[in-house]
Amino acid sequence: MTSCLFQFDHVGANPYSLDEVIIATNNFNIQIGKGRFGPVYYGKLEDGREVAIKVLDVKSSRGPSEFFNEVGKISR
């Protein structure tokens, strides 16, 4: 998972460390939905911004490149 966090640079999303994501999501405590790629979690960043954290499920039929493309589109 850690290596995936750093691949977002090329799609325009802000990279966060796994520790930051775990803190923001309270250890992935609140699932707010399920997308085409896997679960989506509620998170709150240290500056107070509320965010949705998309997670690529290894069982997803869609590949990482499609996941990163989607993240790039919604991060603009």
C-alpha atoms as a PDB file:
ATOM      1  CA  MET A   1       0.000   0.000   0.000  1.00  0.00           C
ATOM      2  CA  THR A   2       2.793   2.437   0.834  1.00  0.00           C
ATOM      3  CA  SER A   3       4.214   2.335  -2.679  1.00  0.00           C
ATOM      4  CA  CYS A   4       0.779   3.164  -4.096  1.00  0.00           C
ATOM      5  CA  LEU A   5       0.534   6.295  -1.961  1.00  0.00           C
ATOM      6  CA  PHE A   6       3.511   7.805  -3.743  1.00  0.00           C
ATOM      7  CA  GLN A   7       2.277   7.015  -7.250  1.00  0.00           C
ATOM      8  CA  PHE A   8      -0.404   9.705  -6.946  1.00  0.00           C
ATOM      9  CA  ASP A   9       2.144  12.421  -7.739  1.00  0.00           C
ATOM     10  CA  HIS A  10       1.706  11.844 -11.453  1.00  0.00           C
ATOM     11  CA  VAL A  11      -2.095  12.202 -11.316  1.00  0.00           C
ATOM     12  CA  GLY A  12      -2.219  15.455  -9.368  1.00  0.00           C
ATOM     13  CA  ALA A  13      -3.418  14.090  -6.036  1.00  0.00           C
ATOM     14  CA  ASN A  14      -1.670  14.950  -2.798  1.00  0.00           C
ATOM     15  CA  PRO A  15       0.430  12.070  -1.507  1.00  0.00           C
ATOM     16  CA  TYR A  16       0.019  11.171   2.152  1.00  0.00           C
ATOM     17  CA  SER A  17       1.925   8.631   4.190  1.00  0.00           C
ATOM     18  CA  LEU A  18       0.159   5.502   5.331  1.00  0.00           C
ATOM     19  CA  ASP A  19       0.429   6.770   8.918  1.00  0.00           C
ATOM     20  CA  GLU A  20      -1.327  10.028   7.938  1.00  0.00           C
ATOM     21  CA  VAL A  21      -4.112   8.092   6.210  1.00  0.00           C
ATOM     22  CA  ILE A  22      -4.579   5.781   9.191  1.00  0.00           C
ATOM     23  CA  ILE A  23      -4.837   8.787  11.516  1.00  0.00           C
ATOM     24  CA  ALA A  24      -7.198  10.667   9.177  1.00  0.00           C
ATOM     25  CA  THR A  25      -9.523   7.672   8.858  1.00  0.00           C
ATOM     26  CA  ASN A  26      -9.241   6.594  12.497  1.00  0.00           C
ATOM     27  CA  ASN A  27      -7.802   3.295  11.270  1.00  0.00           C
ATOM     28  CA  PHE A  28     -10.314   3.022   8.404  1.00  0.00           C
ATOM     29  CA  ASN A  29     -13.160   3.130  10.895  1.00  0.00           C
ATOM     30  CA  ILE A  30     -16.031   4.619   8.865  1.00  0.00           C
ATOM     31  CA  GLN A  31     -16.762   3.163   5.444  1.00  0.00           C
ATOM     32  CA  ILE A  32     -18.970   5.604   3.550  1.00  0.00           C
ATOM     33  CA  GLY A  33     -19.335   3.668   0.351  1.00  0.00           C
ATOM     34  CA  LYS A  34     -17.974   1.211  -2.125  1.00  0.00           C
ATOM     35  CA  GLY A  35     -16.749   2.277  -5.512  1.00  0.00           C
ATOM     36  CA  ARG A  36     -15.778   0.339  -8.608  1.00  0.00           C
ATOM     37  CA  PHE A  37     -12.327  -0.229  -7.155  1.00  0.00           C
ATOM     38  CA  GLY A  38     -13.119  -0.965  -3.534  1.00  0.00           C
ATOM     39  CA  PRO A  39     -14.190   0.710  -0.298  1.00  0.00           C
ATOM     40  CA  VAL A  40     -14.304   4.454   0.336  1.00  0.00           C
ATOM     41  CA  TYR A  41     -13.631   5.727   3.850  1.00  0.00           C
ATOM     42  CA  TYR A  42     -14.400   8.961   5.666  1.00  0.00           C
ATOM     43  CA  GLY A  43     -11.371  10.873   6.844  1.00  0.00           C
ATOM     44  CA  LYS A  44     -10.503  14.170   8.468  1.00  0.00           C
ATOM     45  CA  LEU A  45      -7.101  15.729   7.861  1.00  0.00           C
ATOM     46  CA  GLU A  46      -5.123  17.493  10.574  1.00  0.00           C
ATOM     47  CA  ASP A  47      -6.181  20.879   9.153  1.00  0.00           C
ATOM     48  CA  GLY A  48      -9.850  19.922   9.599  1.00  0.00           C
ATOM     49  CA  ARG A  49     -10.694  19.167   5.962  1.00  0.00           C
ATOM     50  CA  GLU A  50     -13.035  16.229   5.508  1.00  0.00           C
ATOM     51  CA  VAL A  51     -11.965  13.814   2.791  1.00  0.00           C
ATOM     52  CA  ALA A  52     -12.959  10.566   1.136  1.00  0.00           C
ATOM     53  CA  ILE A  53     -10.217   7.958   1.060  1.00  0.00           C
ATOM     54  CA  LYS A  54     -10.498   5.540  -1.855  1.00  0.00           C
ATOM     55  CA  VAL A  55      -8.816   2.181  -1.421  1.00  0.00           C
ATOM     56  CA  LEU A  56      -7.950  -0.168  -4.274  1.00  0.00           C
ATOM     57  CA  ASP A  57      -9.193  -3.636  -3.379  1.00  0.00           C
ATOM     58  CA  VAL A  58      -6.808  -6.346  -4.578  1.00  0.00           C
ATOM     59  CA  LYS A  59      -9.874  -8.347  -5.635  1.00  0.00           C
ATOM     60  CA  SER A  60     -11.022  -5.564  -7.976  1.00  0.00           C
ATOM     61  CA  SER A  61     -11.208  -6.543 -11.625  1.00  0.00           C
ATOM     62  CA  ARG A  62      -9.887  -3.100 -12.486  1.00  0.00           C
ATOM     63  CA  GLY A  63      -6.174  -2.466 -12.431  1.00  0.00           C
ATOM     64  CA  PRO A  64      -4.071   0.110 -10.602  1.00  0.00           C
ATOM     65  CA  SER A  65      -3.669   2.297 -13.708  1.00  0.00           C
ATOM     66  CA  GLU A  66      -7.455   2.721 -13.991  1.00  0.00           C
ATOM     67  CA  PHE A  67      -7.615   3.463 -10.260  1.00  0.00           C
ATOM     68  CA  PHE A  68      -4.953   6.174 -10.524  1.00  0.00           C
ATOM     69  CA  ASN A  69      -6.702   7.677 -13.567  1.00  0.00           C
ATOM     70  CA  GLU A  70      -9.965   7.938 -11.602  1.00  0.00           C
ATOM     71  CA  VAL A  71      -8.234   9.437  -8.588  1.00  0.00           C
ATOM     72  CA  GLY A  72      -6.578  11.973 -10.864  1.00  0.00           C
ATOM     73  CA  LYS A  73      -9.921  12.994 -12.360  1.00  0.00           C
ATOM     74  CA  ILE A  74     -11.653  13.535  -9.030  1.00  0.00           C
ATOM     75  CA  SER A  75      -8.636  15.292  -7.480  1.00  0.00           C
ATOM     76  CA  ARG A  76      -8.733  18.276  -9.813  1.00  0.00           C
END
